[in-house]
Amino acid sequence: MFTTFRGGQSGGWQVTSITRVKGETLPKVAALSIVASEAIALPLLPAQTSWRLAGVASHLRYTEKEEREKLAAVQSGLGRSEATHAALIPIRKSAAWWELTQEERRKIFEDKSHHIAGTLKFLPAIARQLFHARDLGMPFDFLTWFEFAPDHASLFDELVAMLRATEEWSFVEREVDIRVEREI
């Protein structure tokens, strides 16, 4: 199942900001739509003022069994009615990251950067889903989607600041932070 995020003039989420964190940004758009389907959703008419990113939710690659159980015990699902704010953060990592073995990436991801252990305290307030895009020929390796209530916006900012201060983030060569609010 593919999930396509389309930035354009219409969609279920109003874009409140698009911020270049590292590398090239994406064009400013008014809205974001999200489509889950068996094929990558293509625009009816391509436009200069839109973009399309697609990814696949997959198994957890760097997560051990005990960590997976801890996450499952505290995480919330997407689509909660109170979670009217969200963020799409597409990320591309450097060639140096991909040249590392799976075990070397795991050591940086968790043993040094504490990606899982450090983020547990932000759950269940912030729901998240990772979509893999690297093997689909997309301009980003990962599309990270987060949903949270307006009261938890500062908590979300704390989460991304913590992740951006890790050794793992030193391998990021492109990141865009797209903040949205659900259309009511």
N, C-alpha and C. Protein backbone atom coordinates (compact mmCIF):
# COMPACT_ATOMS: atom_id res chain seq x y z
N MET A 1 0.84 -1.17 0.00
CA MET A 1 0.00 0.00 0.00
C MET A 1 0.89 1.24 0.00
N PHE A 2 0.65 2.14 -0.92
CA PHE A 2 1.40 3.39 -1.03
C PHE A 2 0.63 4.51 -0.35
N THR A 3 1.34 5.44 0.24
CA THR A 3 0.73 6.66 0.75
C THR A 3 1.35 7.81 0.00
N THR A 4 0.49 8.63 -0.61
CA THR A 4 0.96 9.78 -1.38
C THR A 4 0.54 11.06 -0.68
N PHE A 5 1.52 11.91 -0.45
CA PHE A 5 1.30 13.24 0.12
C PHE A 5 1.42 14.22 -1.05
N ARG A 6 0.34 14.97 -1.29
CA ARG A 6 0.36 15.93 -2.40
C ARG A 6 0.15 17.33 -1.86
N GLY A 7 1.14 18.17 -2.10
CA GLY A 7 1.02 19.58 -1.75
C GLY A 7 0.47 20.31 -2.95
N GLY A 8 -0.58 21.11 -2.73
CA GLY A 8 -1.20 21.83 -3.84
C GLY A 8 -2.15 22.90 -3.32
N GLN A 9 -3.20 23.14 -4.07
CA GLN A 9 -4.15 24.19 -3.73
C GLN A 9 -5.33 23.68 -2.90
N SER A 10 -5.52 22.36 -2.83
CA SER A 10 -6.64 21.82 -2.06
C SER A 10 -6.20 20.54 -1.36
N GLY A 11 -6.92 20.20 -0.31
CA GLY A 11 -6.62 18.99 0.46
C GLY A 11 -7.22 19.08 1.84
N GLY A 12 -7.17 18.01 2.57
CA GLY A 12 -7.77 17.94 3.90
C GLY A 12 -6.98 18.65 4.98
N TRP A 13 -5.76 19.05 4.70
CA TRP A 13 -4.92 19.73 5.68
C TRP A 13 -4.47 21.08 5.11
N GLN A 14 -4.65 22.15 5.87
CA GLN A 14 -4.18 23.48 5.49
C GLN A 14 -2.71 23.61 5.89
N VAL A 15 -1.86 24.00 4.96
CA VAL A 15 -0.44 24.17 5.26
C VAL A 15 -0.24 25.51 5.97
N THR A 16 0.36 25.46 7.15
CA THR A 16 0.63 26.69 7.90
C THR A 16 2.06 27.16 7.73
N SER A 17 2.98 26.24 7.39
CA SER A 17 4.36 26.64 7.13
C SER A 17 5.11 25.53 6.42
N ILE A 18 6.07 25.94 5.62
CA ILE A 18 7.04 25.01 5.00
C ILE A 18 8.41 25.61 5.28
N THR A 19 9.21 24.90 6.07
CA THR A 19 10.50 25.42 6.50
C THR A 19 11.62 24.52 6.01
N ARG A 20 12.60 25.13 5.34
CA ARG A 20 13.80 24.39 4.94
C ARG A 20 14.66 24.22 6.19
N VAL A 21 14.93 22.97 6.54
CA VAL A 21 15.78 22.69 7.69
C VAL A 21 17.21 22.47 7.20
N LYS A 22 17.35 21.71 6.11
CA LYS A 22 18.66 21.42 5.55
C LYS A 22 18.48 21.06 4.08
N GLY A 23 19.32 21.61 3.21
CA GLY A 23 19.21 21.31 1.79
C GLY A 23 18.08 22.10 1.13
N GLU A 24 17.68 21.64 -0.02
CA GLU A 24 16.65 22.31 -0.82
C GLU A 24 15.27 22.13 -0.19
N THR A 25 14.45 23.19 -0.25
CA THR A 25 13.11 23.13 0.29
C THR A 25 12.13 22.61 -0.77
N LEU A 26 10.87 22.66 -0.47
CA LEU A 26 9.80 22.34 -1.42
C LEU A 26 9.02 23.61 -1.70
N PRO A 27 8.37 23.71 -2.87
CA PRO A 27 7.57 24.90 -3.17
C PRO A 27 6.45 25.09 -2.14
N LYS A 28 6.16 26.36 -1.86
CA LYS A 28 5.06 26.70 -0.95
C LYS A 28 3.74 26.28 -1.59
N VAL A 29 2.87 25.71 -0.77
CA VAL A 29 1.54 25.29 -1.21
C VAL A 29 0.53 25.68 -0.14
N ALA A 30 -0.75 25.68 -0.51
CA ALA A 30 -1.80 26.06 0.43
C ALA A 30 -2.33 24.89 1.24
N ALA A 31 -2.28 23.69 0.65
CA ALA A 31 -2.92 22.54 1.29
C ALA A 31 -2.16 21.26 1.03
N LEU A 32 -2.48 20.24 1.84
CA LEU A 32 -1.88 18.92 1.71
C LEU A 32 -2.98 17.89 1.68
N SER A 33 -2.93 16.99 0.72
CA SER A 33 -3.86 15.86 0.70
C SER A 33 -3.04 14.59 0.87
N ILE A 34 -3.68 13.58 1.46
CA ILE A 34 -3.03 12.30 1.71
C ILE A 34 -3.91 11.21 1.13
N VAL A 35 -3.31 10.37 0.26
CA VAL A 35 -4.06 9.30 -0.38
C VAL A 35 -3.33 7.99 -0.14
N ALA A 36 -4.04 7.01 0.41
CA ALA A 36 -3.50 5.66 0.57
C ALA A 36 -4.13 4.79 -0.50
N SER A 37 -3.30 4.11 -1.30
CA SER A 37 -3.84 3.30 -2.39
C SER A 37 -2.82 2.24 -2.80
N GLU A 38 -3.23 1.38 -3.71
CA GLU A 38 -2.35 0.32 -4.18
C GLU A 38 -1.38 0.79 -5.25
N ALA A 39 -1.52 2.04 -5.68
CA ALA A 39 -0.61 2.64 -6.65
C ALA A 39 -0.29 4.05 -6.18
N ILE A 40 0.82 4.59 -6.64
CA ILE A 40 1.18 5.96 -6.29
C ILE A 40 0.20 6.89 -6.99
N ALA A 41 -0.48 7.72 -6.21
CA ALA A 41 -1.48 8.64 -6.76
C ALA A 41 -0.79 9.73 -7.56
N LEU A 42 -1.18 9.85 -8.82
CA LEU A 42 -0.61 10.87 -9.69
C LEU A 42 -1.58 12.04 -9.79
N PRO A 43 -1.06 13.26 -9.97
CA PRO A 43 -1.95 14.40 -10.12
C PRO A 43 -2.69 14.32 -11.45
N LEU A 44 -3.92 14.84 -11.47
CA LEU A 44 -4.67 14.86 -12.72
C LEU A 44 -3.98 15.78 -13.73
N LEU A 45 -3.60 16.95 -13.27
CA LEU A 45 -2.88 17.91 -14.10
C LEU A 45 -1.65 18.39 -13.33
N PRO A 46 -0.45 18.03 -13.78
CA PRO A 46 0.75 18.49 -13.06
C PRO A 46 0.80 20.02 -13.06
N ALA A 47 1.30 20.60 -11.95
CA ALA A 47 1.37 22.05 -11.84
C ALA A 47 2.70 22.47 -11.25
N GLN A 48 3.11 23.68 -11.60
CA GLN A 48 4.35 24.24 -11.05
C GLN A 48 4.19 24.53 -9.56
N THR A 49 2.96 24.67 -9.10
CA THR A 49 2.71 25.07 -7.72
C THR A 49 2.32 23.89 -6.84
N SER A 50 2.76 22.69 -7.20
CA SER A 50 2.44 21.53 -6.38
C SER A 50 3.60 20.55 -6.37
N TRP A 51 3.53 19.58 -5.48
CA TRP A 51 4.53 18.51 -5.41
C TRP A 51 3.84 17.25 -4.90
N ARG A 52 4.51 16.13 -5.12
CA ARG A 52 3.96 14.82 -4.75
C ARG A 52 5.09 13.98 -4.19
N LEU A 53 4.85 13.42 -2.99
CA LEU A 53 5.81 12.53 -2.35
C LEU A 53 5.08 11.26 -1.97
N ALA A 54 5.68 10.12 -2.23
CA ALA A 54 5.03 8.84 -1.92
C ALA A 54 5.97 7.96 -1.13
N GLY A 55 5.37 7.13 -0.30
CA GLY A 55 6.15 6.20 0.50
C GLY A 55 5.33 4.99 0.89
N VAL A 56 6.00 4.05 1.52
CA VAL A 56 5.37 2.80 1.95
C VAL A 56 5.66 2.59 3.43
N ALA A 57 4.60 2.33 4.20
CA ALA A 57 4.80 1.95 5.60
C ALA A 57 5.35 0.52 5.58
N SER A 58 6.39 0.27 6.34
CA SER A 58 7.07 -1.01 6.29
C SER A 58 7.34 -1.48 7.72
N HIS A 59 8.01 -2.60 7.83
CA HIS A 59 8.38 -3.10 9.15
C HIS A 59 9.44 -2.18 9.76
N LEU A 60 9.57 -2.25 11.08
CA LEU A 60 10.55 -1.43 11.78
C LEU A 60 11.94 -2.05 11.61
N ARG A 61 12.81 -1.33 10.94
CA ARG A 61 14.10 -1.89 10.55
C ARG A 61 15.17 -1.89 11.64
N TYR A 62 15.19 -0.89 12.49
CA TYR A 62 16.25 -0.78 13.48
C TYR A 62 15.73 -1.03 14.89
N THR A 63 14.56 -1.61 15.01
CA THR A 63 13.91 -1.78 16.30
C THR A 63 13.99 -3.23 16.76
N GLU A 64 14.44 -3.43 17.97
CA GLU A 64 14.50 -4.76 18.54
C GLU A 64 13.16 -5.11 19.19
N LYS A 65 12.95 -6.39 19.49
CA LYS A 65 11.67 -6.86 19.99
C LYS A 65 11.20 -6.11 21.24
N GLU A 66 12.06 -5.95 22.22
CA GLU A 66 11.69 -5.27 23.46
C GLU A 66 11.29 -3.82 23.18
N GLU A 67 12.01 -3.15 22.30
CA GLU A 67 11.69 -1.77 21.94
C GLU A 67 10.34 -1.69 21.22
N ARG A 68 10.09 -2.63 20.33
CA ARG A 68 8.82 -2.68 19.61
C ARG A 68 7.66 -2.85 20.59
N GLU A 69 7.84 -3.69 21.60
CA GLU A 69 6.80 -3.90 22.60
C GLU A 69 6.55 -2.65 23.43
N LYS A 70 7.62 -1.93 23.79
CA LYS A 70 7.47 -0.68 24.55
C LYS A 70 6.72 0.36 23.70
N LEU A 71 7.08 0.45 22.43
CA LEU A 71 6.39 1.39 21.54
C LEU A 71 4.91 1.05 21.41
N ALA A 72 4.62 -0.22 21.19
CA ALA A 72 3.23 -0.66 21.02
C ALA A 72 2.40 -0.38 22.26
N ALA A 73 3.02 -0.44 23.42
CA ALA A 73 2.29 -0.24 24.68
C ALA A 73 1.88 1.21 24.90
N VAL A 74 2.59 2.16 24.29
CA VAL A 74 2.32 3.58 24.59
C VAL A 74 1.92 4.43 23.39
N GLN A 75 2.11 3.96 22.18
CA GLN A 75 1.84 4.83 21.04
C GLN A 75 0.35 4.91 20.71
N SER A 76 -0.03 6.04 20.16
CA SER A 76 -1.40 6.27 19.71
C SER A 76 -1.48 6.05 18.21
N GLY A 77 -2.68 5.78 17.75
CA GLY A 77 -2.89 5.65 16.32
C GLY A 77 -3.13 7.00 15.68
N LEU A 78 -2.99 7.04 14.39
CA LEU A 78 -3.27 8.26 13.63
C LEU A 78 -4.78 8.46 13.54
N GLY A 79 -5.18 9.68 13.22
CA GLY A 79 -6.58 9.96 12.97
C GLY A 79 -7.41 10.28 14.20
N ARG A 80 -6.78 10.52 15.35
CA ARG A 80 -7.53 10.89 16.55
C ARG A 80 -8.20 12.24 16.33
N SER A 81 -9.43 12.39 16.79
CA SER A 81 -10.18 13.63 16.55
C SER A 81 -9.49 14.85 17.15
N GLU A 82 -8.82 14.71 18.30
CA GLU A 82 -8.17 15.86 18.93
C GLU A 82 -6.85 16.24 18.25
N ALA A 83 -6.32 15.38 17.41
CA ALA A 83 -5.03 15.63 16.75
C ALA A 83 -5.27 16.42 15.46
N THR A 84 -5.53 17.71 15.62
CA THR A 84 -5.84 18.56 14.47
C THR A 84 -4.61 19.25 13.90
N HIS A 85 -3.46 19.07 14.52
CA HIS A 85 -2.20 19.58 13.99
C HIS A 85 -1.33 18.40 13.57
N ALA A 86 -0.51 18.63 12.57
CA ALA A 86 0.35 17.56 12.08
C ALA A 86 1.59 18.16 11.44
N ALA A 87 2.55 17.29 11.18
CA ALA A 87 3.77 17.69 10.48
C ALA A 87 4.19 16.56 9.55
N LEU A 88 4.53 16.93 8.34
CA LEU A 88 5.17 16.03 7.38
C LEU A 88 6.61 16.48 7.29
N ILE A 89 7.53 15.57 7.63
CA ILE A 89 8.95 15.91 7.57
C ILE A 89 9.66 14.90 6.68
N PRO A 90 9.83 15.27 5.40
CA PRO A 90 10.60 14.41 4.50
C PRO A 90 12.10 14.59 4.77
N ILE A 91 12.83 13.48 4.73
CA ILE A 91 14.26 13.48 5.04
C ILE A 91 15.02 12.64 4.00
N ARG A 92 16.17 13.14 3.59
CA ARG A 92 17.09 12.35 2.78
C ARG A 92 18.41 12.29 3.52
N LYS A 93 18.93 11.09 3.67
CA LYS A 93 20.23 10.90 4.33
C LYS A 93 21.34 10.81 3.29
N SER A 94 22.55 11.03 3.73
CA SER A 94 23.72 11.08 2.85
C SER A 94 24.13 9.69 2.37
N ALA A 95 24.95 9.69 1.33
CA ALA A 95 25.51 8.43 0.82
C ALA A 95 26.33 7.74 1.92
N ALA A 96 26.97 8.53 2.78
CA ALA A 96 27.77 7.95 3.87
C ALA A 96 26.90 7.10 4.79
N TRP A 97 25.66 7.52 5.04
CA TRP A 97 24.73 6.73 5.87
C TRP A 97 24.44 5.39 5.21
N TRP A 98 24.15 5.42 3.93
CA TRP A 98 23.76 4.20 3.21
C TRP A 98 24.95 3.28 2.95
N GLU A 99 26.16 3.81 3.04
CA GLU A 99 27.35 2.96 2.89
C GLU A 99 27.65 2.17 4.16
N LEU A 100 27.06 2.56 5.28
CA LEU A 100 27.23 1.83 6.53
C LEU A 100 26.44 0.52 6.46
N THR A 101 26.87 -0.46 7.22
CA THR A 101 26.10 -1.70 7.30
C THR A 101 24.85 -1.46 8.15
N GLN A 102 23.93 -2.38 8.09
CA GLN A 102 22.71 -2.30 8.92
C GLN A 102 23.08 -2.20 10.40
N GLU A 103 24.07 -2.98 10.83
CA GLU A 103 24.48 -2.97 12.23
C GLU A 103 25.10 -1.63 12.62
N GLU A 104 25.90 -1.05 11.73
CA GLU A 104 26.51 0.25 12.01
C GLU A 104 25.43 1.34 12.10
N ARG A 105 24.45 1.29 11.20
CA ARG A 105 23.35 2.27 11.25
C ARG A 105 22.56 2.10 12.54
N ARG A 106 22.30 0.87 12.96
CA ARG A 106 21.58 0.61 14.21
C ARG A 106 22.31 1.22 15.41
N LYS A 107 23.65 1.07 15.45
CA LYS A 107 24.42 1.62 16.56
C LYS A 107 24.29 3.14 16.64
N ILE A 108 24.32 3.80 15.49
CA ILE A 108 24.16 5.25 15.47
C ILE A 108 22.72 5.62 15.82
N PHE A 109 21.77 4.92 15.24
CA PHE A 109 20.34 5.18 15.42
C PHE A 109 19.92 5.08 16.88
N GLU A 110 20.29 4.00 17.55
CA GLU A 110 19.79 3.80 18.91
C GLU A 110 20.88 3.86 19.97
N ASP A 111 21.99 3.16 19.79
CA ASP A 111 23.01 3.12 20.83
C ASP A 111 23.62 4.51 21.09
N LYS A 112 23.83 5.30 20.03
CA LYS A 112 24.42 6.62 20.20
C LYS A 112 23.38 7.74 20.22
N SER A 113 22.37 7.67 19.34
CA SER A 113 21.40 8.75 19.21
C SER A 113 20.13 8.55 20.04
N HIS A 114 19.91 7.34 20.53
CA HIS A 114 18.74 7.02 21.37
C HIS A 114 17.43 7.44 20.71
N HIS A 115 17.32 7.13 19.43
CA HIS A 115 16.15 7.53 18.65
C HIS A 115 14.86 6.97 19.26
N ILE A 116 14.85 5.71 19.62
CA ILE A 116 13.65 5.08 20.17
C ILE A 116 13.49 5.46 21.64
N ALA A 117 14.50 5.20 22.44
CA ALA A 117 14.42 5.46 23.89
C ALA A 117 14.12 6.93 24.17
N GLY A 118 14.71 7.82 23.41
CA GLY A 118 14.51 9.25 23.63
C GLY A 118 13.14 9.74 23.22
N THR A 119 12.49 9.05 22.31
CA THR A 119 11.19 9.51 21.83
C THR A 119 10.02 8.90 22.59
N LEU A 120 10.25 7.87 23.38
CA LEU A 120 9.17 7.22 24.13
C LEU A 120 8.41 8.21 25.01
N LYS A 121 9.10 9.18 25.58
CA LYS A 121 8.44 10.13 26.50
C LYS A 121 7.45 11.04 25.77
N PHE A 122 7.51 11.09 24.45
CA PHE A 122 6.60 11.94 23.68
C PHE A 122 5.32 11.21 23.26
N LEU A 123 5.28 9.93 23.57
CA LEU A 123 4.11 9.12 23.24
C LEU A 123 3.25 8.98 24.48
N PRO A 124 1.98 8.91 24.40
CA PRO A 124 1.11 8.85 23.23
C PRO A 124 0.66 10.21 22.69
N ALA A 125 1.16 11.33 23.27
CA ALA A 125 0.70 12.65 22.83
C ALA A 125 0.92 12.87 21.34
N ILE A 126 2.01 12.33 20.83
CA ILE A 126 2.33 12.50 19.41
C ILE A 126 2.26 11.13 18.74
N ALA A 127 1.39 11.03 17.75
CA ALA A 127 1.30 9.80 16.95
C ALA A 127 2.19 9.97 15.73
N ARG A 128 2.79 8.87 15.29
CA ARG A 128 3.70 9.01 14.14
C ARG A 128 3.66 7.77 13.27
N GLN A 129 4.05 7.99 12.02
CA GLN A 129 4.18 6.89 11.05
C GLN A 129 5.33 7.24 10.12
N LEU A 130 6.18 6.27 9.89
CA LEU A 130 7.30 6.43 8.97
C LEU A 130 6.96 5.74 7.66
N PHE A 131 7.23 6.45 6.56
CA PHE A 131 7.03 5.88 5.23
C PHE A 131 8.39 5.86 4.52
N HIS A 132 8.73 4.71 3.96
CA HIS A 132 9.99 4.55 3.23
C HIS A 132 9.77 4.97 1.78
N ALA A 133 10.68 5.80 1.26
CA ALA A 133 10.53 6.32 -0.09
C ALA A 133 11.79 6.12 -0.94
N ARG A 134 12.88 5.74 -0.32
CA ARG A 134 14.18 5.65 -1.03
C ARG A 134 14.11 4.75 -2.25
N ASP A 135 13.51 3.58 -2.11
CA ASP A 135 13.48 2.62 -3.22
C ASP A 135 12.41 2.93 -4.27
N LEU A 136 11.65 4.00 -4.06
CA LEU A 136 10.61 4.39 -5.02
C LEU A 136 11.07 5.49 -5.95
N GLY A 137 12.33 5.91 -5.82
CA GLY A 137 12.85 6.96 -6.69
C GLY A 137 12.38 8.35 -6.29
N MET A 138 11.95 8.50 -5.06
CA MET A 138 11.50 9.80 -4.56
C MET A 138 12.72 10.65 -4.19
N PRO A 139 12.53 11.97 -4.07
CA PRO A 139 13.66 12.84 -3.71
C PRO A 139 14.05 12.75 -2.23
N PHE A 140 13.29 12.00 -1.43
CA PHE A 140 13.59 11.81 -0.02
C PHE A 140 13.64 10.32 0.28
N ASP A 141 14.38 9.94 1.31
CA ASP A 141 14.45 8.54 1.73
C ASP A 141 13.29 8.16 2.63
N PHE A 142 12.88 9.10 3.48
CA PHE A 142 11.83 8.85 4.47
C PHE A 142 10.84 10.00 4.47
N LEU A 143 9.58 9.67 4.67
CA LEU A 143 8.54 10.67 4.90
C LEU A 143 8.01 10.39 6.30
N THR A 144 8.22 11.31 7.22
CA THR A 144 7.77 11.11 8.59
C THR A 144 6.53 11.96 8.82
N TRP A 145 5.47 11.30 9.28
CA TRP A 145 4.18 11.96 9.50
C TRP A 145 3.86 11.90 10.98
N PHE A 146 3.56 13.05 11.56
CA PHE A 146 3.24 13.17 12.98
C PHE A 146 1.90 13.87 13.14
N GLU A 147 1.07 13.41 14.08
CA GLU A 147 -0.18 14.08 14.41
C GLU A 147 -0.23 14.34 15.91
N PHE A 148 -0.79 15.52 16.28
CA PHE A 148 -0.85 15.89 17.69
C PHE A 148 -1.92 16.96 17.90
N ALA A 149 -2.38 17.06 19.13
CA ALA A 149 -3.35 18.10 19.51
C ALA A 149 -2.63 19.45 19.55
N PRO A 150 -3.35 20.56 19.35
CA PRO A 150 -2.71 21.88 19.41
C PRO A 150 -1.96 22.11 20.72
N ASP A 151 -2.47 21.58 21.82
CA ASP A 151 -1.82 21.72 23.13
C ASP A 151 -0.45 21.06 23.18
N HIS A 152 -0.16 20.17 22.23
CA HIS A 152 1.11 19.45 22.24
C HIS A 152 2.10 19.96 21.18
N ALA A 153 1.82 21.13 20.59
CA ALA A 153 2.72 21.68 19.57
C ALA A 153 4.11 21.93 20.12
N SER A 154 4.22 22.47 21.33
CA SER A 154 5.55 22.73 21.90
C SER A 154 6.26 21.42 22.24
N LEU A 155 5.51 20.40 22.62
CA LEU A 155 6.08 19.08 22.88
C LEU A 155 6.65 18.51 21.58
N PHE A 156 5.92 18.71 20.48
CA PHE A 156 6.42 18.25 19.18
C PHE A 156 7.71 18.99 18.81
N ASP A 157 7.74 20.31 19.04
CA ASP A 157 8.96 21.07 18.75
C ASP A 157 10.14 20.54 19.57
N GLU A 158 9.88 20.15 20.81
CA GLU A 158 10.92 19.57 21.67
C GLU A 158 11.42 18.24 21.08
N LEU A 159 10.49 17.43 20.60
CA LEU A 159 10.85 16.15 19.99
C LEU A 159 11.77 16.34 18.79
N VAL A 160 11.39 17.20 17.84
CA VAL A 160 12.23 17.36 16.65
C VAL A 160 13.57 18.01 16.99
N ALA A 161 13.59 18.91 17.96
CA ALA A 161 14.86 19.52 18.37
C ALA A 161 15.79 18.45 18.95
N MET A 162 15.24 17.55 19.76
CA MET A 162 16.03 16.49 20.34
C MET A 162 16.62 15.59 19.24
N LEU A 163 15.79 15.21 18.28
CA LEU A 163 16.27 14.34 17.20
C LEU A 163 17.32 15.03 16.33
N ARG A 164 17.14 16.32 16.09
CA ARG A 164 18.09 17.06 15.25
C ARG A 164 19.43 17.30 15.94
N ALA A 165 19.50 17.06 17.24
CA ALA A 165 20.75 17.24 17.99
C ALA A 165 21.55 15.95 18.11
N THR A 166 21.10 14.87 17.45
CA THR A 166 21.77 13.58 17.59
C THR A 166 22.82 13.35 16.51
N GLU A 167 23.66 12.35 16.74
CA GLU A 167 24.65 11.96 15.73
C GLU A 167 23.95 11.48 14.46
N GLU A 168 22.83 10.79 14.63
CA GLU A 168 22.09 10.30 13.46
C GLU A 168 21.75 11.44 12.51
N TRP A 169 21.34 12.59 13.06
CA TRP A 169 20.92 13.71 12.21
C TRP A 169 22.09 14.28 11.41
N SER A 170 23.34 14.05 11.85
CA SER A 170 24.49 14.55 11.09
C SER A 170 24.57 13.91 9.71
N PHE A 171 23.85 12.80 9.50
CA PHE A 171 23.81 12.14 8.20
C PHE A 171 22.68 12.67 7.31
N VAL A 172 21.86 13.58 7.81
CA VAL A 172 20.76 14.14 7.02
C VAL A 172 21.33 15.21 6.11
N GLU A 173 21.02 15.10 4.80
CA GLU A 173 21.48 16.13 3.87
C GLU A 173 20.33 16.97 3.32
N ARG A 174 19.10 16.51 3.52
CA ARG A 174 17.95 17.30 3.10
C ARG A 174 16.79 17.01 4.06
N GLU A 175 16.18 18.09 4.57
CA GLU A 175 15.02 17.96 5.45
C GLU A 175 14.15 19.19 5.28
N VAL A 176 12.85 18.96 5.16
CA VAL A 176 11.86 20.02 5.08
C VAL A 176 10.82 19.76 6.16
N ASP A 177 10.42 20.79 6.87
CA ASP A 177 9.44 20.68 7.96
C ASP A 177 8.15 21.36 7.50
N ILE A 178 7.12 20.56 7.24
CA ILE A 178 5.84 21.06 6.74
C ILE A 178 4.81 20.91 7.85
N ARG A 179 4.29 22.04 8.34
CA ARG A 179 3.29 22.03 9.40
C ARG A 179 1.92 22.27 8.80
N VAL A 180 0.95 21.50 9.30
CA VAL A 180 -0.40 21.58 8.76
C VAL A 180 -1.44 21.53 9.88
N GLU A 181 -2.64 21.99 9.55
CA GLU A 181 -3.79 21.89 10.45
C GLU A 181 -4.93 21.26 9.66
N ARG A 182 -5.69 20.41 10.34
CA ARG A 182 -6.78 19.71 9.68
C ARG A 182 -7.88 20.69 9.31
N GLU A 183 -8.37 20.54 8.08
CA GLU A 183 -9.53 21.35 7.63
C GLU A 183 -10.76 20.82 8.34
N ILE A 184 -11.56 21.71 8.89
CA ILE A 184 -12.77 21.29 9.60
C ILE A 184 -14.00 21.73 8.84
